[in-house]
Amino acid sequence: MTQLANLAGIHKAVISKIENGDTKRPEWKTIKAIASILDIPYEQRNAIWTWSSGRTHCLS
């Protein structure tokens, strides 16, 4: 987790809260940063954000 946090440029606590379910709707910039480090394609990042935010439409 420390390495991911460092590479993504976000705090370890943010990742921990997402993992633990304390953060129900992570910000797009957080998802984007983590997904970028994990090589998750844009379409999947968008789907994750749409699902986690409770939205019905993806980003364009």
Protein backbone atom coordinates (compact mmCIF):
# COMPACT_ATOMS: atom_id res chain seq x y z
CA MET A 1 0.00 0.00 0.00
CA THR A 2 2.85 2.39 0.78
CA GLN A 3 4.39 1.91 -2.64
CA LEU A 4 1.05 2.42 -4.41
CA ALA A 5 0.39 5.57 -2.37
CA ASN A 6 3.82 6.96 -3.17
CA LEU A 7 3.58 6.18 -6.88
CA ALA A 8 0.03 7.55 -7.16
CA GLY A 9 0.86 10.64 -5.11
CA ILE A 10 -1.92 10.11 -2.60
CA HIS A 11 -1.90 9.46 1.12
CA LYS A 12 -1.85 5.89 2.41
CA ALA A 13 -4.83 6.75 4.59
CA VAL A 14 -6.92 7.51 1.49
CA ILE A 15 -6.21 4.05 0.06
CA SER A 16 -6.86 2.45 3.43
CA LYS A 17 -10.24 4.17 3.75
CA ILE A 18 -11.24 2.98 0.27
CA GLU A 19 -10.13 -0.58 1.06
CA ASN A 20 -11.98 -0.59 4.39
CA GLY A 21 -15.15 0.81 2.86
CA ASP A 22 -14.95 4.02 4.89
CA THR A 23 -14.85 6.01 1.64
CA LYS A 24 -17.91 5.01 -0.35
CA ARG A 25 -17.44 7.42 -3.24
CA PRO A 26 -13.78 8.16 -3.95
CA GLU A 27 -13.02 11.23 -6.01
CA TRP A 28 -12.31 10.84 -9.72
CA LYS A 29 -8.75 12.14 -9.26
CA THR A 30 -8.10 9.42 -6.67
CA ILE A 31 -9.46 6.64 -8.87
CA LYS A 32 -7.56 8.03 -11.84
CA ALA A 33 -4.27 8.15 -9.90
CA ILE A 34 -4.58 4.61 -8.53
CA ALA A 35 -5.83 3.15 -11.81
CA SER A 36 -3.01 4.79 -13.73
CA ILE A 37 -0.37 3.11 -11.54
CA LEU A 38 -2.19 -0.24 -11.84
CA ASP A 39 -2.48 0.13 -15.65
CA ILE A 40 -6.28 -0.04 -15.61
CA PRO A 41 -7.68 1.16 -18.96
CA TYR A 42 -9.64 4.44 -19.07
CA GLU A 43 -12.93 2.69 -19.85
CA GLN A 44 -12.65 0.57 -16.72
CA ARG A 45 -11.62 3.57 -14.60
CA ASN A 46 -14.67 5.38 -15.84
CA ALA A 47 -16.91 2.40 -15.06
CA ILE A 48 -15.46 2.17 -11.53
CA TRP A 49 -16.06 5.87 -10.89
CA THR A 50 -19.57 5.73 -12.34
CA TRP A 51 -20.44 2.74 -10.16
CA SER A 52 -18.83 4.10 -6.99
CA SER A 53 -20.39 7.53 -7.36
CA GLY A 54 -23.90 6.21 -7.92
CA ARG A 55 -24.07 7.97 -11.28
CA THR A 56 -25.91 6.53 -14.24
CA HIS A 57 -23.67 7.93 -16.99
CA CYS A 58 -19.96 7.57 -17.62
CA LEU A 59 -17.60 10.47 -18.10
CA SER A 60 -17.01 11.50 -21.67
